[in-house]
Each structure stands twice: as C-alpha cells, then as structure tokens.
Amino acid sequence: MEWFIAALAVVALGVAAVVAAGGGGSMASEPVRDTYAMAVSEDPLGGDDVRALRFGVALRGYAMDQVDAVLDRVATELEAKDARIAELTAQLAAAAPGGPQEPVQGPPAEAWERPR
C-alpha cells in the first residue's frame, strides 16, 4: 500500500511538472482584464470630462495602464492648447495697431483653482 501511495505521488508530481512546463497548452494571447475600463471619447478632453473620470481598481490601487494612458493624453492636449494659445497671442500682437505689445496676462492662478 505504501508503494502505491508513493507511485501515485510521483505520477502527480510528474503531471504537475508537465503542466508547469507548458505541456498542458498555452495561455490566451490577450490578457483578460478584470478591472473596469471607462470609455473616454476621442473628442478633446474638457474639465468636466477629467472630473468625471473613474479608473478601475486593481490589487494595489488604480489600474496603472488606464491612469498612464489618460495622463499621457491630458499632457498631449495641454501641450497642443499651450502651443495654440502662443500662436494666437503672437497673431494678436502682430495685428495690433502700433506693432507688437506686451502679452495680455490671464486671470490669477487663484481663479483656476477648483472650489471645494
């Protein structure tokens, strides 16, 4: 009886080794996502869009790939808006009577803070 249990244990370990080595088939090529992924439109992001964003919660907090993708997109759109603002400011200064003048200052930083 002891030999039977020992042989059964050896067979079980052999099967486990074969499966661990990939002998039991391969995994799916695409990973299965188990976190909520919020769909974000392709339109330019506005303040309300960013405030409404909700990320999927993963084991250690938010799903990092979702947060990284949104932060990259926000950074790109902010750079594009800054470039457009600089371009329009230069056009406005060139079109002003009397030639280029000092750039117009925007509202103070306190005006952009979100009320709590």
PDB file of N, CA and C in Angstrom:
ATOM      1  N   MET A   1       0.810  -1.191   0.000  1.00  0.00           N
ATOM      2  CA  MET A   1       0.000   0.000   0.000  1.00  0.00           C
ATOM      3  C   MET A   1       0.856   1.260   0.000  1.00  0.00           C
ATOM      4  N   GLU A   2       1.975   1.203   0.731  1.00  0.00           N
ATOM      5  CA  GLU A   2       2.862   2.367   0.771  1.00  0.00           C
ATOM      6  C   GLU A   2       3.472   2.633  -0.594  1.00  0.00           C
ATOM      7  N   TRP A   3       3.770   1.559  -1.345  1.00  0.00           N
ATOM      8  CA  TRP A   3       4.344   1.729  -2.670  1.00  0.00           C
ATOM      9  C   TRP A   3       3.334   2.358  -3.622  1.00  0.00           C
ATOM     10  N   PHE A   4       2.099   2.027  -3.454  1.00  0.00           N
ATOM     11  CA  PHE A   4       1.050   2.588  -4.297  1.00  0.00           C
ATOM     12  C   PHE A   4       0.921   4.098  -4.066  1.00  0.00           C
ATOM     13  N   ILE A   5       0.924   4.532  -2.808  1.00  0.00           N
ATOM     14  CA  ILE A   5       0.830   5.961  -2.475  1.00  0.00           C
ATOM     15  C   ILE A   5       2.057   6.698  -2.985  1.00  0.00           C
ATOM     16  N   ALA A   6       3.254   6.084  -2.859  1.00  0.00           N
ATOM     17  CA  ALA A   6       4.475   6.707  -3.354  1.00  0.00           C
ATOM     18  C   ALA A   6       4.427   6.834  -4.870  1.00  0.00           C
ATOM     19  N   ALA A   7       3.970   5.788  -5.553  1.00  0.00           N
ATOM     20  CA  ALA A   7       3.870   5.843  -7.018  1.00  0.00           C
ATOM     21  C   ALA A   7       2.852   6.885  -7.447  1.00  0.00           C
ATOM     22  N   LEU A   8       1.741   6.972  -6.741  1.00  0.00           N
ATOM     23  CA  LEU A   8       0.722   7.976  -7.047  1.00  0.00           C
ATOM     24  C   LEU A   8       1.270   9.389  -6.858  1.00  0.00           C
ATOM     25  N   ALA A   9       2.052   9.598  -5.823  1.00  0.00           N
ATOM     26  CA  ALA A   9       2.665  10.908  -5.577  1.00  0.00           C
ATOM     27  C   ALA A   9       3.647  11.254  -6.679  1.00  0.00           C
ATOM     28  N   VAL A  10       4.430  10.284  -7.140  1.00  0.00           N
ATOM     29  CA  VAL A  10       5.398  10.530  -8.220  1.00  0.00           C
ATOM     30  C   VAL A  10       4.655  10.881  -9.507  1.00  0.00           C
ATOM     31  N   VAL A  11       3.594  10.164  -9.805  1.00  0.00           N
ATOM     32  CA  VAL A  11       2.811  10.454 -11.007  1.00  0.00           C
ATOM     33  C   VAL A  11       2.194  11.857 -10.906  1.00  0.00           C
ATOM     34  N   ALA A  12       1.648  12.210  -9.767  1.00  0.00           N
ATOM     35  CA  ALA A  12       1.044  13.536  -9.585  1.00  0.00           C
ATOM     36  C   ALA A  12       2.083  14.635  -9.749  1.00  0.00           C
ATOM     37  N   LEU A  13       3.264  14.441  -9.193  1.00  0.00           N
ATOM     38  CA  LEU A  13       4.333  15.428  -9.366  1.00  0.00           C
ATOM     39  C   LEU A  13       4.777  15.510 -10.823  1.00  0.00           C
ATOM     40  N   GLY A  14       4.812  14.388 -11.518  1.00  0.00           N
ATOM     41  CA  GLY A  14       5.175  14.388 -12.937  1.00  0.00           C
ATOM     42  C   GLY A  14       4.167  15.154 -13.774  1.00  0.00           C
ATOM     43  N   VAL A  15       2.878  14.929 -13.507  1.00  0.00           N
ATOM     44  CA  VAL A  15       1.839  15.660 -14.235  1.00  0.00           C
ATOM     45  C   VAL A  15       1.933  17.159 -13.939  1.00  0.00           C
ATOM     46  N   ALA A  16       2.160  17.525 -12.696  1.00  0.00           N
ATOM     47  CA  ALA A  16       2.303  18.938 -12.332  1.00  0.00           C
ATOM     48  C   ALA A  16       3.497  19.563 -13.034  1.00  0.00           C
ATOM     49  N   ALA A  17       4.600  18.829 -13.157  1.00  0.00           N
ATOM     50  CA  ALA A  17       5.790  19.354 -13.835  1.00  0.00           C
ATOM     51  C   ALA A  17       5.525  19.556 -15.319  1.00  0.00           C
ATOM     52  N   VAL A  18       4.805  18.616 -15.955  1.00  0.00           N
ATOM     53  CA  VAL A  18       4.490  18.750 -17.378  1.00  0.00           C
ATOM     54  C   VAL A  18       3.588  19.960 -17.621  1.00  0.00           C
ATOM     55  N   VAL A  19       2.589  20.142 -16.780  1.00  0.00           N
ATOM     56  CA  VAL A  19       1.682  21.285 -16.927  1.00  0.00           C
ATOM     57  C   VAL A  19       2.426  22.588 -16.687  1.00  0.00           C
ATOM     58  N   ALA A  20       3.303  22.614 -15.681  1.00  0.00           N
ATOM     59  CA  ALA A  20       4.068  23.834 -15.387  1.00  0.00           C
ATOM     60  C   ALA A  20       5.018  24.186 -16.517  1.00  0.00           C
ATOM     61  N   ALA A  21       5.494  23.185 -17.241  1.00  0.00           N
ATOM     62  CA  ALA A  21       6.424  23.424 -18.355  1.00  0.00           C
ATOM     63  C   ALA A  21       5.694  23.824 -19.628  1.00  0.00           C
ATOM     64  N   GLY A  22       4.380  23.874 -19.596  1.00  0.00           N
ATOM     65  CA  GLY A  22       3.625  24.292 -20.776  1.00  0.00           C
ATOM     66  C   GLY A  22       3.068  23.142 -21.561  1.00  0.00           C
ATOM     67  N   GLY A  23       3.167  21.973 -21.058  1.00  0.00           N
ATOM     68  CA  GLY A  23       2.667  20.809 -21.771  1.00  0.00           C
ATOM     69  C   GLY A  23       1.159  20.720 -21.781  1.00  0.00           C
ATOM     70  N   GLY A  24       0.479  21.493 -20.974  1.00  0.00           N
ATOM     71  CA  GLY A  24      -0.967  21.431 -20.909  1.00  0.00           C
ATOM     72  C   GLY A  24      -1.656  22.397 -21.848  1.00  0.00           C
ATOM     73  N   GLY A  25      -0.926  23.013 -22.735  1.00  0.00           N
ATOM     74  CA  GLY A  25      -1.497  24.002 -23.651  1.00  0.00           C
ATOM     75  C   GLY A  25      -0.949  25.376 -23.319  1.00  0.00           C
ATOM     76  N   SER A  26      -1.293  26.350 -24.117  1.00  0.00           N
ATOM     77  CA  SER A  26      -0.783  27.698 -23.888  1.00  0.00           C
ATOM     78  C   SER A  26      -1.905  28.600 -23.408  1.00  0.00           C
ATOM     79  N   MET A  27      -1.500  29.718 -22.851  1.00  0.00           N
ATOM     80  CA  MET A  27      -2.470  30.695 -22.380  1.00  0.00           C
ATOM     81  C   MET A  27      -2.964  31.521 -23.555  1.00  0.00           C
ATOM     82  N   ALA A  28      -4.047  32.216 -23.358  1.00  0.00           N
ATOM     83  CA  ALA A  28      -4.590  33.088 -24.394  1.00  0.00           C
ATOM     84  C   ALA A  28      -3.591  34.185 -24.714  1.00  0.00           C
ATOM     85  N   SER A  29      -3.584  34.633 -25.975  1.00  0.00           N
ATOM     86  CA  SER A  29      -2.619  35.654 -26.378  1.00  0.00           C
ATOM     87  C   SER A  29      -2.945  37.016 -25.772  1.00  0.00           C
ATOM     88  N   GLU A  30      -4.210  37.293 -25.582  1.00  0.00           N
ATOM     89  CA  GLU A  30      -4.617  38.565 -24.980  1.00  0.00           C
ATOM     90  C   GLU A  30      -4.919  38.352 -23.503  1.00  0.00           C
ATOM     91  N   PRO A  31      -4.397  39.224 -22.644  1.00  0.00           N
ATOM     92  CA  PRO A  31      -4.697  39.060 -21.216  1.00  0.00           C
ATOM     93  C   PRO A  31      -6.155  39.386 -20.921  1.00  0.00           C
ATOM     94  N   VAL A  32      -6.679  38.743 -19.932  1.00  0.00           N
ATOM     95  CA  VAL A  32      -8.043  39.004 -19.505  1.00  0.00           C
ATOM     96  C   VAL A  32      -8.015  40.168 -18.528  1.00  0.00           C
ATOM     97  N   ARG A  33      -8.820  41.179 -18.805  1.00  0.00           N
ATOM     98  CA  ARG A  33      -8.872  42.351 -17.940  1.00  0.00           C
ATOM     99  C   ARG A  33      -9.933  42.137 -16.880  1.00  0.00           C
ATOM    100  N   ASP A  34      -9.544  42.310 -15.648  1.00  0.00           N
ATOM    101  CA  ASP A  34     -10.519  42.148 -14.578  1.00  0.00           C
ATOM    102  C   ASP A  34     -10.797  43.456 -13.873  1.00  0.00           C
ATOM    103  N   THR A  35     -10.409  44.566 -14.489  1.00  0.00           N
ATOM    104  CA  THR A  35     -10.691  45.877 -13.918  1.00  0.00           C
ATOM    105  C   THR A  35     -11.624  46.630 -14.860  1.00  0.00           C
ATOM    106  N   TYR A  36     -12.414  47.512 -14.297  1.00  0.00           N
ATOM    107  CA  TYR A  36     -13.342  48.326 -15.059  1.00  0.00           C
ATOM    108  C   TYR A  36     -12.559  49.325 -15.896  1.00  0.00           C
ATOM    109  N   ALA A  37     -12.841  49.387 -17.176  1.00  0.00           N
ATOM    110  CA  ALA A  37     -12.192  50.346 -18.059  1.00  0.00           C
ATOM    111  C   ALA A  37     -13.249  51.307 -18.586  1.00  0.00           C
ATOM    112  N   MET A  38     -13.163  52.564 -18.167  1.00  0.00           N
ATOM    113  CA  MET A  38     -14.134  53.567 -18.584  1.00  0.00           C
ATOM    114  C   MET A  38     -13.807  54.023 -19.999  1.00  0.00           C
ATOM    115  N   ALA A  39     -14.796  54.062 -20.846  1.00  0.00           N
ATOM    116  CA  ALA A  39     -14.602  54.518 -22.216  1.00  0.00           C
ATOM    117  C   ALA A  39     -14.509  56.044 -22.221  1.00  0.00           C
ATOM    118  N   VAL A  40     -13.476  56.564 -22.872  1.00  0.00           N
ATOM    119  CA  VAL A  40     -13.275  58.000 -22.990  1.00  0.00           C
ATOM    120  C   VAL A  40     -13.400  58.345 -24.468  1.00  0.00           C
ATOM    121  N   SER A  41     -14.197  59.355 -24.783  1.00  0.00           N
ATOM    122  CA  SER A  41     -14.410  59.720 -26.182  1.00  0.00           C
ATOM    123  C   SER A  41     -13.118  60.251 -26.799  1.00  0.00           C
ATOM    124  N   GLU A  42     -13.101  60.267 -28.111  1.00  0.00           N
ATOM    125  CA  GLU A  42     -11.930  60.764 -28.835  1.00  0.00           C
ATOM    126  C   GLU A  42     -11.934  62.289 -28.959  1.00  0.00           C
ATOM    127  N   ASP A  43     -13.015  62.934 -28.537  1.00  0.00           N
ATOM    128  CA  ASP A  43     -13.084  64.388 -28.569  1.00  0.00           C
ATOM    129  C   ASP A  43     -12.088  64.962 -27.567  1.00  0.00           C
ATOM    130  N   PRO A  44     -11.652  66.208 -27.764  1.00  0.00           N
ATOM    131  CA  PRO A  44     -10.740  66.813 -26.785  1.00  0.00           C
ATOM    132  C   PRO A  44     -11.354  66.808 -25.383  1.00  0.00           C
ATOM    133  N   LEU A  45     -10.517  66.548 -24.419  1.00  0.00           N
ATOM    134  CA  LEU A  45     -10.985  66.477 -23.034  1.00  0.00           C
ATOM    135  C   LEU A  45     -11.249  67.868 -22.486  1.00  0.00           C
ATOM    136  N   GLY A  46     -12.330  67.992 -21.765  1.00  0.00           N
ATOM    137  CA  GLY A  46     -12.640  69.233 -21.079  1.00  0.00           C
ATOM    138  C   GLY A  46     -12.525  69.023 -19.582  1.00  0.00           C
ATOM    139  N   GLY A  47     -12.685  70.066 -18.831  1.00  0.00           N
ATOM    140  CA  GLY A  47     -12.589  69.979 -17.384  1.00  0.00           C
ATOM    141  C   GLY A  47     -13.601  69.020 -16.790  1.00  0.00           C
ATOM    142  N   ASP A  48     -14.828  69.048 -17.318  1.00  0.00           N
ATOM    143  CA  ASP A  48     -15.863  68.143 -16.798  1.00  0.00           C
ATOM    144  C   ASP A  48     -15.524  66.690 -17.109  1.00  0.00           C
ATOM    145  N   ASP A  49     -14.908  66.445 -18.281  1.00  0.00           N
ATOM    146  CA  ASP A  49     -14.522  65.082 -18.639  1.00  0.00           C
ATOM    147  C   ASP A  49     -13.478  64.536 -17.668  1.00  0.00           C
ATOM    148  N   VAL A  50     -12.490  65.368 -17.338  1.00  0.00           N
ATOM    149  CA  VAL A  50     -11.437  64.924 -16.423  1.00  0.00           C
ATOM    150  C   VAL A  50     -12.011  64.706 -15.026  1.00  0.00           C
ATOM    151  N   ARG A  51     -12.893  65.584 -14.580  1.00  0.00           N
ATOM    152  CA  ARG A  51     -13.500  65.411 -13.256  1.00  0.00           C
ATOM    153  C   ARG A  51     -14.378  64.161 -13.180  1.00  0.00           C
ATOM    154  N   ALA A  52     -14.968  63.761 -14.309  1.00  0.00           N
ATOM    155  CA  ALA A  52     -15.869  62.606 -14.326  1.00  0.00           C
ATOM    156  C   ALA A  52     -15.132  61.273 -14.485  1.00  0.00           C
ATOM    157  N   LEU A  53     -13.827  61.312 -14.749  1.00  0.00           N
ATOM    158  CA  LEU A  53     -13.087  60.071 -14.957  1.00  0.00           C
ATOM    159  C   LEU A  53     -13.088  59.207 -13.711  1.00  0.00           C
ATOM    160  N   ARG A  54     -13.286  57.930 -13.888  1.00  0.00           N
ATOM    161  CA  ARG A  54     -13.181  56.954 -12.815  1.00  0.00           C
ATOM    162  C   ARG A  54     -12.370  55.790 -13.342  1.00  0.00           C
ATOM    163  N   PHE A  55     -11.359  55.385 -12.620  1.00  0.00           N
ATOM    164  CA  PHE A  55     -10.468  54.319 -13.053  1.00  0.00           C
ATOM    165  C   PHE A  55     -10.817  53.023 -12.348  1.00  0.00           C
ATOM    166  N   GLY A  56     -10.477  51.918 -13.004  1.00  0.00           N
ATOM    167  CA  GLY A  56     -10.690  50.614 -12.409  1.00  0.00           C
ATOM    168  C   GLY A  56      -9.761  50.417 -11.229  1.00  0.00           C
ATOM    169  N   VAL A  57     -10.253  49.750 -10.212  1.00  0.00           N
ATOM    170  CA  VAL A  57      -9.452  49.497  -9.028  1.00  0.00           C
ATOM    171  C   VAL A  57      -8.783  48.138  -9.186  1.00  0.00           C
ATOM    172  N   ALA A  58      -7.475  48.110  -9.003  1.00  0.00           N
ATOM    173  CA  ALA A  58      -6.700  46.883  -9.112  1.00  0.00           C
ATOM    174  C   ALA A  58      -6.240  46.478  -7.719  1.00  0.00           C
ATOM    175  N   LEU A  59      -5.401  45.467  -7.671  1.00  0.00           N
ATOM    176  CA  LEU A  59      -4.952  44.928  -6.399  1.00  0.00           C
ATOM    177  C   LEU A  59      -4.267  45.984  -5.542  1.00  0.00           C
ATOM    178  N   ARG A  60      -3.441  46.797  -6.141  1.00  0.00           N
ATOM    179  CA  ARG A  60      -2.685  47.806  -5.381  1.00  0.00           C
ATOM    180  C   ARG A  60      -3.163  49.219  -5.646  1.00  0.00           C
ATOM    181  N   GLY A  61      -4.402  49.427  -5.910  1.00  0.00           N
ATOM    182  CA  GLY A  61      -4.907  50.773  -6.154  1.00  0.00           C
ATOM    183  C   GLY A  61      -5.554  50.843  -7.520  1.00  0.00           C
ATOM    184  N   TYR A  62      -5.295  51.922  -8.252  1.00  0.00           N
ATOM    185  CA  TYR A  62      -5.880  52.087  -9.573  1.00  0.00           C
ATOM    186  C   TYR A  62      -5.088  51.308 -10.603  1.00  0.00           C
ATOM    187  N   ALA A  63      -5.747  50.971 -11.692  1.00  0.00           N
ATOM    188  CA  ALA A  63      -5.091  50.273 -12.802  1.00  0.00           C
ATOM    189  C   ALA A  63      -4.115  51.246 -13.460  1.00  0.00           C
ATOM    190  N   MET A  64      -2.844  50.962 -13.324  1.00  0.00           N
ATOM    191  CA  MET A  64      -1.811  51.906 -13.760  1.00  0.00           C
ATOM    192  C   MET A  64      -1.854  52.174 -15.256  1.00  0.00           C
ATOM    193  N   ASP A  65      -2.173  51.178 -16.074  1.00  0.00           N
ATOM    194  CA  ASP A  65      -2.196  51.412 -17.514  1.00  0.00           C
ATOM    195  C   ASP A  65      -3.292  52.389 -17.908  1.00  0.00           C
ATOM    196  N   GLN A  66      -4.428  52.357 -17.216  1.00  0.00           N
ATOM    197  CA  GLN A  66      -5.501  53.305 -17.501  1.00  0.00           C
ATOM    198  C   GLN A  66      -5.102  54.718 -17.094  1.00  0.00           C
ATOM    199  N   VAL A  67      -4.519  54.860 -15.921  1.00  0.00           N
ATOM    200  CA  VAL A  67      -4.110  56.182 -15.432  1.00  0.00           C
ATOM    201  C   VAL A  67      -3.010  56.754 -16.326  1.00  0.00           C
ATOM    202  N   ASP A  68      -2.032  55.937 -16.696  1.00  0.00           N
ATOM    203  CA  ASP A  68      -0.947  56.402 -17.555  1.00  0.00           C
ATOM    204  C   ASP A  68      -1.469  56.860 -18.909  1.00  0.00           C
ATOM    205  N   ALA A  69      -2.417  56.124 -19.478  1.00  0.00           N
ATOM    206  CA  ALA A  69      -2.965  56.497 -20.782  1.00  0.00           C
ATOM    207  C   ALA A  69      -3.686  57.837 -20.715  1.00  0.00           C
ATOM    208  N   VAL A  70      -4.477  58.054 -19.669  1.00  0.00           N
ATOM    209  CA  VAL A  70      -5.206  59.320 -19.542  1.00  0.00           C
ATOM    210  C   VAL A  70      -4.237  60.470 -19.275  1.00  0.00           C
ATOM    211  N   LEU A  71      -3.235  60.247 -18.422  1.00  0.00           N
ATOM    212  CA  LEU A  71      -2.269  61.314 -18.146  1.00  0.00           C
ATOM    213  C   LEU A  71      -1.479  61.681 -19.396  1.00  0.00           C
ATOM    214  N   ASP A  72      -1.098  60.692 -20.205  1.00  0.00           N
ATOM    215  CA  ASP A  72      -0.401  60.985 -21.457  1.00  0.00           C
ATOM    216  C   ASP A  72      -1.284  61.806 -22.386  1.00  0.00           C
ATOM    217  N   ARG A  73      -2.551  61.439 -22.459  1.00  0.00           N
ATOM    218  CA  ARG A  73      -3.475  62.167 -23.335  1.00  0.00           C
ATOM    219  C   ARG A  73      -3.694  63.595 -22.842  1.00  0.00           C
ATOM    220  N   VAL A  74      -3.871  63.770 -21.537  1.00  0.00           N
ATOM    221  CA  VAL A  74      -4.061  65.111 -20.984  1.00  0.00           C
ATOM    222  C   VAL A  74      -2.819  65.965 -21.240  1.00  0.00           C
ATOM    223  N   ALA A  75      -1.640  65.395 -21.045  1.00  0.00           N
ATOM    224  CA  ALA A  75      -0.402  66.143 -21.284  1.00  0.00           C
ATOM    225  C   ALA A  75      -0.295  66.568 -22.744  1.00  0.00           C
ATOM    226  N   THR A  76      -0.615  65.672 -23.665  1.00  0.00           N
ATOM    227  CA  THR A  76      -0.547  65.996 -25.092  1.00  0.00           C
ATOM    228  C   THR A  76      -1.529  67.105 -25.445  1.00  0.00           C
ATOM    229  N   GLU A  77      -2.756  67.007 -24.921  1.00  0.00           N
ATOM    230  CA  GLU A  77      -3.747  68.028 -25.235  1.00  0.00           C
ATOM    231  C   GLU A  77      -3.389  69.374 -24.611  1.00  0.00           C
ATOM    232  N   LEU A  78      -2.814  69.370 -23.417  1.00  0.00           N
ATOM    233  CA  LEU A  78      -2.385  70.632 -22.803  1.00  0.00           C
ATOM    234  C   LEU A  78      -1.257  71.278 -23.600  1.00  0.00           C
ATOM    235  N   GLU A  79      -0.313  70.459 -24.083  1.00  0.00           N
ATOM    236  CA  GLU A  79       0.768  70.998 -24.905  1.00  0.00           C
ATOM    237  C   GLU A  79       0.221  71.610 -26.188  1.00  0.00           C
ATOM    238  N   ALA A  80      -0.746  70.941 -26.805  1.00  0.00           N
ATOM    239  CA  ALA A  80      -1.345  71.465 -28.031  1.00  0.00           C
ATOM    240  C   ALA A  80      -2.082  72.776 -27.759  1.00  0.00           C
ATOM    241  N   LYS A  81      -2.801  72.831 -26.645  1.00  0.00           N
ATOM    242  CA  LYS A  81      -3.526  74.071 -26.302  1.00  0.00           C
ATOM    243  C   LYS A  81      -2.554  75.204 -25.988  1.00  0.00           C
ATOM    244  N   ASP A  82      -1.469  74.896 -25.279  1.00  0.00           N
ATOM    245  CA  ASP A  82      -0.465  75.930 -24.982  1.00  0.00           C
ATOM    246  C   ASP A  82       0.165  76.461 -26.268  1.00  0.00           C
ATOM    247  N   ALA A  83       0.454  75.569 -27.210  1.00  0.00           N
ATOM    248  CA  ALA A  83       1.028  75.998 -28.489  1.00  0.00           C
ATOM    249  C   ALA A  83       0.033  76.862 -29.247  1.00  0.00           C
ATOM    250  N   ARG A  84      -1.225  76.483 -29.244  1.00  0.00           N
ATOM    251  CA  ARG A  84      -2.248  77.268 -29.942  1.00  0.00           C
ATOM    252  C   ARG A  84      -2.427  78.631 -29.286  1.00  0.00           C
ATOM    253  N   ILE A  85      -2.404  78.685 -27.971  1.00  0.00           N
ATOM    254  CA  ILE A  85      -2.515  79.967 -27.262  1.00  0.00           C
ATOM    255  C   ILE A  85      -1.337  80.875 -27.611  1.00  0.00           C
ATOM    256  N   ALA A  86      -0.134  80.312 -27.652  1.00  0.00           N
ATOM    257  CA  ALA A  86       1.047  81.108 -28.005  1.00  0.00           C
ATOM    258  C   ALA A  86       0.942  81.621 -29.440  1.00  0.00           C
ATOM    259  N   GLU A  87       0.442  80.777 -30.340  1.00  0.00           N
ATOM    260  CA  GLU A  87       0.283  81.177 -31.734  1.00  0.00           C
ATOM    261  C   GLU A  87      -0.735  82.301 -31.866  1.00  0.00           C
ATOM    262  N   LEU A  88      -1.860  82.170 -31.193  1.00  0.00           N
ATOM    263  CA  LEU A  88      -2.894  83.206 -31.264  1.00  0.00           C
ATOM    264  C   LEU A  88      -2.446  84.499 -30.595  1.00  0.00           C
ATOM    265  N   THR A  89      -1.687  84.383 -29.503  1.00  0.00           N
ATOM    266  CA  THR A  89      -1.162  85.581 -28.841  1.00  0.00           C
ATOM    267  C   THR A  89      -0.200  86.310 -29.766  1.00  0.00           C
ATOM    268  N   ALA A  90       0.642  85.561 -30.483  1.00  0.00           N
ATOM    269  CA  ALA A  90       1.573  86.183 -31.425  1.00  0.00           C
ATOM    270  C   ALA A  90       0.818  86.842 -32.573  1.00  0.00           C
ATOM    271  N   GLN A  91      -0.226  86.212 -33.082  1.00  0.00           N
ATOM    272  CA  GLN A  91      -1.026  86.807 -34.148  1.00  0.00           C
ATOM    273  C   GLN A  91      -1.734  88.070 -33.673  1.00  0.00           C
ATOM    274  N   LEU A  92      -2.231  88.035 -32.464  1.00  0.00           N
ATOM    275  CA  LEU A  92      -2.913  89.199 -31.904  1.00  0.00           C
ATOM    276  C   LEU A  92      -1.938  90.354 -31.719  1.00  0.00           C
ATOM    277  N   ALA A  93      -0.754  90.038 -31.237  1.00  0.00           N
ATOM    278  CA  ALA A  93       0.249  91.089 -31.029  1.00  0.00           C
ATOM    279  C   ALA A  93       0.694  91.687 -32.361  1.00  0.00           C
ATOM    280  N   ALA A  94       0.830  90.840 -33.387  1.00  0.00           N
ATOM    281  CA  ALA A  94       1.258  91.339 -34.695  1.00  0.00           C
ATOM    282  C   ALA A  94       0.159  92.163 -35.364  1.00  0.00           C
ATOM    283  N   ALA A  95      -1.095  91.826 -35.109  1.00  0.00           N
ATOM    284  CA  ALA A  95      -2.200  92.535 -35.744  1.00  0.00           C
ATOM    285  C   ALA A  95      -2.606  93.802 -34.998  1.00  0.00           C
ATOM    286  N   ALA A  96      -2.104  93.984 -33.794  1.00  0.00           N
ATOM    287  CA  ALA A  96      -2.485  95.154 -33.001  1.00  0.00           C
ATOM    288  C   ALA A  96      -1.905  96.415 -33.631  1.00  0.00           C
ATOM    289  N   PRO A  97      -2.683  97.518 -33.588  1.00  0.00           N
ATOM    290  CA  PRO A  97      -2.142  98.777 -34.131  1.00  0.00           C
ATOM    291  C   PRO A  97      -0.937  99.226 -33.313  1.00  0.00           C
ATOM    292  N   GLY A  98       0.081  99.655 -33.991  1.00  0.00           N
ATOM    293  CA  GLY A  98       1.283 100.106 -33.300  1.00  0.00           C
ATOM    294  C   GLY A  98       2.301  98.988 -33.118  1.00  0.00           C
ATOM    295  N   GLY A  99       2.068  97.827 -33.689  1.00  0.00           N
ATOM    296  CA  GLY A  99       3.039  96.741 -33.619  1.00  0.00           C
ATOM    297  C   GLY A  99       2.867  95.871 -32.387  1.00  0.00           C
ATOM    298  N   PRO A 100       3.812  94.990 -32.173  1.00  0.00           N
ATOM    299  CA  PRO A 100       3.723  94.057 -31.034  1.00  0.00           C
ATOM    300  C   PRO A 100       3.754  94.794 -29.702  1.00  0.00           C
ATOM    301  N   GLN A 101       2.958  94.321 -28.773  1.00  0.00           N
ATOM    302  CA  GLN A 101       2.893  94.886 -27.433  1.00  0.00           C
ATOM    303  C   GLN A 101       3.107  93.780 -26.426  1.00  0.00           C
ATOM    304  N   GLU A 102       3.030  94.143 -25.162  1.00  0.00           N
ATOM    305  CA  GLU A 102       3.166  93.149 -24.098  1.00  0.00           C
ATOM    306  C   GLU A 102       2.029  92.138 -24.194  1.00  0.00           C
ATOM    307  N   PRO A 103       2.303  90.858 -23.944  1.00  0.00           N
ATOM    308  CA  PRO A 103       1.212  89.883 -23.972  1.00  0.00           C
ATOM    309  C   PRO A 103       0.193  90.148 -22.864  1.00  0.00           C
ATOM    310  N   VAL A 104      -1.042  89.841 -23.169  1.00  0.00           N
ATOM    311  CA  VAL A 104      -2.123  90.041 -22.216  1.00  0.00           C
ATOM    312  C   VAL A 104      -2.012  88.980 -21.130  1.00  0.00           C
ATOM    313  N   GLN A 105      -2.062  89.431 -19.875  1.00  0.00           N
ATOM    314  CA  GLN A 105      -1.983  88.493 -18.757  1.00  0.00           C
ATOM    315  C   GLN A 105      -3.353  87.898 -18.495  1.00  0.00           C
ATOM    316  N   GLY A 106      -3.366  86.617 -18.174  1.00  0.00           N
ATOM    317  CA  GLY A 106      -4.605  85.926 -17.849  1.00  0.00           C
ATOM    318  C   GLY A 106      -4.999  86.184 -16.408  1.00  0.00           C
ATOM    319  N   PRO A 107      -6.066  85.549 -15.974  1.00  0.00           N
ATOM    320  CA  PRO A 107      -6.503  85.722 -14.588  1.00  0.00           C
ATOM    321  C   PRO A 107      -5.489  85.125 -13.626  1.00  0.00           C
ATOM    322  N   PRO A 108      -5.483  85.553 -12.378  1.00  0.00           N
ATOM    323  CA  PRO A 108      -4.532  85.000 -11.413  1.00  0.00           C
ATOM    324  C   PRO A 108      -4.778  83.507 -11.203  1.00  0.00           C
ATOM    325  N   ALA A 109      -3.767  82.825 -10.702  1.00  0.00           N
ATOM    326  CA  ALA A 109      -3.840  81.372 -10.513  1.00  0.00           C
ATOM    327  C   ALA A 109      -4.992  80.981  -9.597  1.00  0.00           C
ATOM    328  N   GLU A 110      -5.355  81.830  -8.660  1.00  0.00           N
ATOM    329  CA  GLU A 110      -6.441  81.502  -7.722  1.00  0.00           C
ATOM    330  C   GLU A 110      -7.765  81.320  -8.466  1.00  0.00           C
ATOM    331  N   ALA A 111      -7.928  82.002  -9.616  1.00  0.00           N
ATOM    332  CA  ALA A 111      -9.162  81.908 -10.366  1.00  0.00           C
ATOM    333  C   ALA A 111      -9.331  80.522 -10.989  1.00  0.00           C
ATOM    334  N   TRP A 112      -8.226  79.813 -11.185  1.00  0.00           N
ATOM    335  CA  TRP A 112      -8.291  78.483 -11.839  1.00  0.00           C
ATOM    336  C   TRP A 112      -8.476  77.368 -10.826  1.00  0.00           C
ATOM    337  N   GLU A 113      -8.351  77.652  -9.547  1.00  0.00           N
ATOM    338  CA  GLU A 113      -8.488  76.601  -8.551  1.00  0.00           C
ATOM    339  C   GLU A 113      -9.930  76.137  -8.464  1.00  0.00           C
ATOM    340  N   ARG A 114     -10.087  74.846  -8.281  1.00  0.00           N
ATOM    341  CA  ARG A 114     -11.411  74.249  -8.181  1.00  0.00           C
ATOM    342  C   ARG A 114     -11.996  74.490  -6.809  1.00  0.00           C
ATOM    343  N   PRO A 115     -13.251  74.990  -6.733  1.00  0.00           N
ATOM    344  CA  PRO A 115     -13.853  75.209  -5.403  1.00  0.00           C
ATOM    345  C   PRO A 115     -14.058  73.885  -4.691  1.00  0.00           C
ATOM    346  N   ARG A 116     -13.865  73.907  -3.399  1.00  0.00           N
ATOM    347  CA  ARG A 116     -14.005  72.676  -2.607  1.00  0.00           C
ATOM    348  C   ARG A 116     -15.292  72.630  -1.872  1.00  0.00           C
TER     349      ARG A 116
END
